[in-house]
PDB file of N, CA and C in Angstrom:
ATOM      1  N   MET A   1      11.891  24.304  10.642  1.00  0.00           N
ATOM      2  CA  MET A   1      13.040  23.850   9.895  1.00  0.00           C
ATOM      3  C   MET A   1      12.594  22.699   8.977  1.00  0.00           C
ATOM      4  N   ALA A   2      12.930  22.776   7.727  1.00  0.00           N
ATOM      5  CA  ALA A   2      12.547  21.772   6.734  1.00  0.00           C
ATOM      6  C   ALA A   2      13.475  20.556   6.844  1.00  0.00           C
ATOM      7  N   ALA A   3      12.891  19.388   6.618  1.00  0.00           N
ATOM      8  CA  ALA A   3      13.674  18.158   6.653  1.00  0.00           C
ATOM      9  C   ALA A   3      14.499  18.036   5.383  1.00  0.00           C
ATOM     10  N   ASN A   4      15.704  17.521   5.521  1.00  0.00           N
ATOM     11  CA  ASN A   4      16.531  17.345   4.327  1.00  0.00           C
ATOM     12  C   ASN A   4      16.071  16.092   3.585  1.00  0.00           C
ATOM     13  N   PRO A   5      16.514  15.938   2.335  1.00  0.00           N
ATOM     14  CA  PRO A   5      16.070  14.796   1.533  1.00  0.00           C
ATOM     15  C   PRO A   5      16.352  13.437   2.173  1.00  0.00           C
ATOM     16  N   ASN A   6      17.467  13.306   2.880  1.00  0.00           N
ATOM     17  CA  ASN A   6      17.786  12.039   3.538  1.00  0.00           C
ATOM     18  C   ASN A   6      16.785  11.720   4.643  1.00  0.00           C
ATOM     19  N   GLN A   7      16.364  12.750   5.392  1.00  0.00           N
ATOM     20  CA  GLN A   7      15.381  12.542   6.447  1.00  0.00           C
ATOM     21  C   GLN A   7      14.026  12.160   5.857  1.00  0.00           C
ATOM     22  N   LYS A   8      13.659  12.801   4.755  1.00  0.00           N
ATOM     23  CA  LYS A   8      12.387  12.487   4.097  1.00  0.00           C
ATOM     24  C   LYS A   8      12.401  11.052   3.569  1.00  0.00           C
ATOM     25  N   SER A   9      13.522  10.649   2.981  1.00  0.00           N
ATOM     26  CA  SER A   9      13.651   9.295   2.452  1.00  0.00           C
ATOM     27  C   SER A   9      13.575   8.268   3.578  1.00  0.00           C
ATOM     28  N   ALA A  10      14.232   8.547   4.682  1.00  0.00           N
ATOM     29  CA  ALA A  10      14.207   7.636   5.829  1.00  0.00           C
ATOM     30  C   ALA A  10      12.796   7.536   6.398  1.00  0.00           C
ATOM     31  N   ALA A  11      12.092   8.657   6.461  1.00  0.00           N
ATOM     32  CA  ALA A  11      10.721   8.659   6.978  1.00  0.00           C
ATOM     33  C   ALA A  11       9.798   7.877   6.048  1.00  0.00           C
ATOM     34  N   ALA A  12       9.965   8.047   4.745  1.00  0.00           N
ATOM     35  CA  ALA A  12       9.141   7.315   3.776  1.00  0.00           C
ATOM     36  C   ALA A  12       9.414   5.819   3.876  1.00  0.00           C
ATOM     37  N   SER A  13      10.663   5.449   4.019  1.00  0.00           N
ATOM     38  CA  SER A  13      11.033   4.041   4.146  1.00  0.00           C
ATOM     39  C   SER A  13      10.456   3.450   5.429  1.00  0.00           C
ATOM     40  N   GLN A  14      10.499   4.198   6.500  1.00  0.00           N
ATOM     41  CA  GLN A  14       9.953   3.731   7.770  1.00  0.00           C
ATOM     42  C   GLN A  14       8.433   3.562   7.672  1.00  0.00           C
ATOM     43  N   THR A  15       7.778   4.482   6.971  1.00  0.00           N
ATOM     44  CA  THR A  15       6.329   4.389   6.782  1.00  0.00           C
ATOM     45  C   THR A  15       5.967   3.122   6.026  1.00  0.00           C
ATOM     46  N   ILE A  16       6.679   2.842   4.943  1.00  0.00           N
ATOM     47  CA  ILE A  16       6.417   1.628   4.161  1.00  0.00           C
ATOM     48  C   ILE A  16       6.680   0.387   5.017  1.00  0.00           C
ATOM     49  N   ASP A  17       7.755   0.403   5.805  1.00  0.00           N
ATOM     50  CA  ASP A  17       8.058  -0.742   6.673  1.00  0.00           C
ATOM     51  C   ASP A  17       6.930  -0.998   7.665  1.00  0.00           C
ATOM     52  N   ILE A  18       6.407   0.063   8.272  1.00  0.00           N
ATOM     53  CA  ILE A  18       5.317  -0.064   9.238  1.00  0.00           C
ATOM     54  C   ILE A  18       4.057  -0.573   8.547  1.00  0.00           C
ATOM     55  N   LEU A  19       3.738  -0.012   7.386  1.00  0.00           N
ATOM     56  CA  LEU A  19       2.554  -0.456   6.656  1.00  0.00           C
ATOM     57  C   LEU A  19       2.690  -1.914   6.209  1.00  0.00           C
ATOM     58  N   MET A  20       3.882  -2.322   5.830  1.00  0.00           N
ATOM     59  CA  MET A  20       4.090  -3.715   5.425  1.00  0.00           C
ATOM     60  C   MET A  20       3.900  -4.649   6.621  1.00  0.00           C
ATOM     61  N   GLU A  21       4.354  -4.235   7.789  1.00  0.00           N
ATOM     62  CA  GLU A  21       4.160  -5.067   8.976  1.00  0.00           C
ATOM     63  C   GLU A  21       2.671  -5.195   9.300  1.00  0.00           C
ATOM     64  N   ILE A  22       1.936  -4.107   9.213  1.00  0.00           N
ATOM     65  CA  ILE A  22       0.486  -4.153   9.423  1.00  0.00           C
ATOM     66  C   ILE A  22      -0.154  -5.056   8.373  1.00  0.00           C
ATOM     67  N   SER A  23       0.283  -4.918   7.140  1.00  0.00           N
ATOM     68  CA  SER A  23      -0.238  -5.739   6.047  1.00  0.00           C
ATOM     69  C   SER A  23      -0.009  -7.222   6.313  1.00  0.00           C
ATOM     70  N   ARG A  24       1.188  -7.564   6.789  1.00  0.00           N
ATOM     71  CA  ARG A  24       1.494  -8.965   7.107  1.00  0.00           C
ATOM     72  C   ARG A  24       0.625  -9.464   8.256  1.00  0.00           C
ATOM     73  N   LEU A  25       0.442  -8.637   9.275  1.00  0.00           N
ATOM     74  CA  LEU A  25      -0.380  -9.033  10.420  1.00  0.00           C
ATOM     75  C   LEU A  25      -1.834  -9.275  10.011  1.00  0.00           C
ATOM     76  N   LEU A  26      -2.298  -8.509   9.040  1.00  0.00           N
ATOM     77  CA  LEU A  26      -3.676  -8.641   8.565  1.00  0.00           C
ATOM     78  C   LEU A  26      -3.811  -9.644   7.419  1.00  0.00           C
ATOM     79  N   ASN A  27      -2.695 -10.258   7.022  1.00  0.00           N
ATOM     80  CA  ASN A  27      -2.696 -11.236   5.925  1.00  0.00           C
ATOM     81  C   ASN A  27      -3.328 -10.683   4.647  1.00  0.00           C
ATOM     82  N   THR A  28      -2.934  -9.480   4.258  1.00  0.00           N
ATOM     83  CA  THR A  28      -3.497  -8.880   3.046  1.00  0.00           C
ATOM     84  C   THR A  28      -2.941  -9.505   1.777  1.00  0.00           C
ATOM     85  N   GLY A  29      -1.739 -10.065   1.857  1.00  0.00           N
ATOM     86  CA  GLY A  29      -1.126 -10.654   0.673  1.00  0.00           C
ATOM     87  C   GLY A  29      -0.521  -9.628  -0.265  1.00  0.00           C
ATOM     88  N   LEU A  30      -0.446  -8.378   0.171  1.00  0.00           N
ATOM     89  CA  LEU A  30       0.143  -7.344  -0.679  1.00  0.00           C
ATOM     90  C   LEU A  30       1.656  -7.353  -0.534  1.00  0.00           C
ATOM     91  N   ASP A  31       2.351  -7.253  -1.671  1.00  0.00           N
ATOM     92  CA  ASP A  31       3.798  -7.139  -1.610  1.00  0.00           C
ATOM     93  C   ASP A  31       4.165  -5.662  -1.431  1.00  0.00           C
ATOM     94  N   GLU A  32       5.449  -5.402  -1.245  1.00  0.00           N
ATOM     95  CA  GLU A  32       5.887  -4.037  -0.949  1.00  0.00           C
ATOM     96  C   GLU A  32       5.586  -3.073  -2.103  1.00  0.00           C
ATOM     97  N   GLU A  33       5.772  -3.533  -3.331  1.00  0.00           N
ATOM     98  CA  GLU A  33       5.511  -2.668  -4.485  1.00  0.00           C
ATOM     99  C   GLU A  33       4.024  -2.313  -4.570  1.00  0.00           C
ATOM    100  N   THR A  34       3.168  -3.302  -4.372  1.00  0.00           N
ATOM    101  CA  THR A  34       1.731  -3.058  -4.428  1.00  0.00           C
ATOM    102  C   THR A  34       1.304  -2.135  -3.300  1.00  0.00           C
ATOM    103  N   MET A  35       1.872  -2.344  -2.105  1.00  0.00           N
ATOM    104  CA  MET A  35       1.556  -1.481  -0.969  1.00  0.00           C
ATOM    105  C   MET A  35       1.962  -0.042  -1.266  1.00  0.00           C
ATOM    106  N   ALA A  36       3.125   0.149  -1.858  1.00  0.00           N
ATOM    107  CA  ALA A  36       3.590   1.492  -2.188  1.00  0.00           C
ATOM    108  C   ALA A  36       2.664   2.152  -3.214  1.00  0.00           C
ATOM    109  N   ILE A  37       2.202   1.377  -4.188  1.00  0.00           N
ATOM    110  CA  ILE A  37       1.273   1.907  -5.193  1.00  0.00           C
ATOM    111  C   ILE A  37      -0.036   2.321  -4.526  1.00  0.00           C
ATOM    112  N   CYS A  38      -0.547   1.457  -3.646  1.00  0.00           N
ATOM    113  CA  CYS A  38      -1.791   1.780  -2.936  1.00  0.00           C
ATOM    114  C   CYS A  38      -1.624   3.035  -2.088  1.00  0.00           C
ATOM    115  N   LEU A  39      -0.498   3.160  -1.427  1.00  0.00           N
ATOM    116  CA  LEU A  39      -0.225   4.343  -0.614  1.00  0.00           C
ATOM    117  C   LEU A  39      -0.216   5.603  -1.469  1.00  0.00           C
ATOM    118  N   ARG A  40       0.460   5.544  -2.616  1.00  0.00           N
ATOM    119  CA  ARG A  40       0.496   6.720  -3.508  1.00  0.00           C
ATOM    120  C   ARG A  40      -0.897   7.063  -4.018  1.00  0.00           C
ATOM    121  N   LEU A  41      -1.693   6.054  -4.341  1.00  0.00           N
ATOM    122  CA  LEU A  41      -3.060   6.307  -4.796  1.00  0.00           C
ATOM    123  C   LEU A  41      -3.880   6.987  -3.708  1.00  0.00           C
ATOM    124  N   CYS A  42      -3.757   6.492  -2.477  1.00  0.00           N
ATOM    125  CA  CYS A  42      -4.492   7.109  -1.366  1.00  0.00           C
ATOM    126  C   CYS A  42      -4.027   8.538  -1.113  1.00  0.00           C
ATOM    127  N   GLU A  43      -2.724   8.761  -1.206  1.00  0.00           N
ATOM    128  CA  GLU A  43      -2.188  10.113  -1.040  1.00  0.00           C
ATOM    129  C   GLU A  43      -2.682  11.050  -2.143  1.00  0.00           C
ATOM    130  N   SER A  44      -3.027  10.470  -3.301  1.00  0.00           N
ATOM    131  CA  SER A  44      -3.525  11.266  -4.425  1.00  0.00           C
ATOM    132  C   SER A  44      -5.035  11.480  -4.366  1.00  0.00           C
ATOM    133  N   GLY A  45      -5.670  10.934  -3.333  1.00  0.00           N
ATOM    134  CA  GLY A  45      -7.088  11.189  -3.160  1.00  0.00           C
ATOM    135  C   GLY A  45      -8.016  10.028  -3.456  1.00  0.00           C
ATOM    136  N   VAL A  46      -7.476   8.870  -3.809  1.00  0.00           N
ATOM    137  CA  VAL A  46      -8.318   7.711  -4.077  1.00  0.00           C
ATOM    138  C   VAL A  46      -8.924   7.240  -2.757  1.00  0.00           C
ATOM    139  N   ASN A  47     -10.194   6.906  -2.786  1.00  0.00           N
ATOM    140  CA  ASN A  47     -10.893   6.415  -1.606  1.00  0.00           C
ATOM    141  C   ASN A  47     -10.319   5.050  -1.228  1.00  0.00           C
ATOM    142  N   PRO A  48      -9.782   4.893  -0.003  1.00  0.00           N
ATOM    143  CA  PRO A  48      -9.171   3.626   0.398  1.00  0.00           C
ATOM    144  C   PRO A  48     -10.143   2.446   0.378  1.00  0.00           C
ATOM    145  N   GLU A  49     -11.389   2.684   0.742  1.00  0.00           N
ATOM    146  CA  GLU A  49     -12.371   1.593   0.729  1.00  0.00           C
ATOM    147  C   GLU A  49     -12.659   1.144  -0.700  1.00  0.00           C
ATOM    148  N   ALA A  50     -12.745   2.087  -1.606  1.00  0.00           N
ATOM    149  CA  ALA A  50     -12.961   1.741  -3.015  1.00  0.00           C
ATOM    150  C   ALA A  50     -11.753   0.994  -3.567  1.00  0.00           C
ATOM    151  N   LEU A  51     -10.572   1.415  -3.189  1.00  0.00           N
ATOM    152  CA  LEU A  51      -9.346   0.749  -3.631  1.00  0.00           C
ATOM    153  C   LEU A  51      -9.308  -0.690  -3.106  1.00  0.00           C
ATOM    154  N   ALA A  52      -9.669  -0.884  -1.848  1.00  0.00           N
ATOM    155  CA  ALA A  52      -9.705  -2.235  -1.275  1.00  0.00           C
ATOM    156  C   ALA A  52     -10.708  -3.110  -2.026  1.00  0.00           C
ATOM    157  N   GLU A  53     -11.851  -2.544  -2.377  1.00  0.00           N
ATOM    158  CA  GLU A  53     -12.863  -3.316  -3.109  1.00  0.00           C
ATOM    159  C   GLU A  53     -12.355  -3.702  -4.494  1.00  0.00           C
ATOM    160  N   VAL A  54     -11.650  -2.816  -5.164  1.00  0.00           N
ATOM    161  CA  VAL A  54     -11.075  -3.124  -6.482  1.00  0.00           C
ATOM    162  C   VAL A  54     -10.068  -4.270  -6.354  1.00  0.00           C
ATOM    163  N   ILE A  55      -9.240  -4.224  -5.326  1.00  0.00           N
ATOM    164  CA  ILE A  55      -8.251  -5.287  -5.126  1.00  0.00           C
ATOM    165  C   ILE A  55      -8.948  -6.618  -4.875  1.00  0.00           C
ATOM    166  N   ARG A  56      -9.981  -6.614  -4.038  1.00  0.00           N
ATOM    167  CA  ARG A  56     -10.735  -7.855  -3.783  1.00  0.00           C
ATOM    168  C   ARG A  56     -11.362  -8.386  -5.073  1.00  0.00           C
ATOM    169  N   GLU A  57     -11.937  -7.493  -5.868  1.00  0.00           N
ATOM    170  CA  GLU A  57     -12.565  -7.914  -7.128  1.00  0.00           C
ATOM    171  C   GLU A  57     -11.531  -8.482  -8.097  1.00  0.00           C
ATOM    172  N   LEU A  58     -10.377  -7.850  -8.191  1.00  0.00           N
ATOM    173  CA  LEU A  58      -9.316  -8.360  -9.057  1.00  0.00           C
ATOM    174  C   LEU A  58      -8.860  -9.741  -8.606  1.00  0.00           C
ATOM    175  N   ARG A  59      -8.775  -9.944  -7.311  1.00  0.00           N
ATOM    176  CA  ARG A  59      -8.384 -11.259  -6.798  1.00  0.00           C
ATOM    177  C   ARG A  59      -9.438 -12.309  -7.119  1.00  0.00           C
ATOM    178  N   ARG A  60     -10.725 -11.939  -6.993  1.00  0.00           N
ATOM    179  CA  ARG A  60     -11.797 -12.880  -7.333  1.00  0.00           C
ATOM    180  C   ARG A  60     -11.727 -13.255  -8.805  1.00  0.00           C
ATOM    181  N   GLU A  61     -11.556 -12.272  -9.660  1.00  0.00           N
ATOM    182  CA  GLU A  61     -11.483 -12.524 -11.098  1.00  0.00           C
ATOM    183  C   GLU A  61     -10.263 -13.382 -11.443  1.00  0.00           C
ATOM    184  N   THR A  62      -9.148 -13.115 -10.807  1.00  0.00           N
ATOM    185  CA  THR A  62      -7.942 -13.907 -11.048  1.00  0.00           C
ATOM    186  C   THR A  62      -8.164 -15.351 -10.618  1.00  0.00           C
ATOM    187  N   ALA A  63      -8.811 -15.551  -9.473  1.00  0.00           N
ATOM    188  CA  ALA A  63      -9.097 -16.898  -8.992  1.00  0.00           C
ATOM    189  C   ALA A  63     -10.045 -17.623  -9.948  1.00  0.00           C
ATOM    190  N   ASN A  64     -11.014 -16.907 -10.525  1.00  0.00           N
ATOM    191  CA  ASN A  64     -11.954 -17.510 -11.470  1.00  0.00           C
ATOM    192  C   ASN A  64     -11.244 -17.951 -12.751  1.00  0.00           C
ATOM    193  N   ILE A  65     -10.261 -17.198 -13.167  1.00  0.00           N
ATOM    194  CA  ILE A  65      -9.517 -17.527 -14.381  1.00  0.00           C
ATOM    195  C   ILE A  65      -8.675 -18.782 -14.158  1.00  0.00           C
ATOM    196  N   LYS A  66      -8.127 -18.907 -12.978  1.00  0.00           N
ATOM    197  CA  LYS A  66      -7.286 -20.072 -12.665  1.00  0.00           C
ATOM    198  C   LYS A  66      -8.168 -21.266 -12.510  1.00  0.00           C
TER     199      LYS A  66
END
């Protein structure tokens, strides 16, 4: 039996909530929008380790500019 759109939306929201809690526990500093973008990228096939390295590099560059 296929899930209805409301069930899919609730499941997606719960997934983001769980990932945000993990993110907070790990002190990643990612906000909900950024986490959702990262999740979509990973679902599209982006290597999570490469994505994490890009985020770290962007943070280093931002810190250097400041």
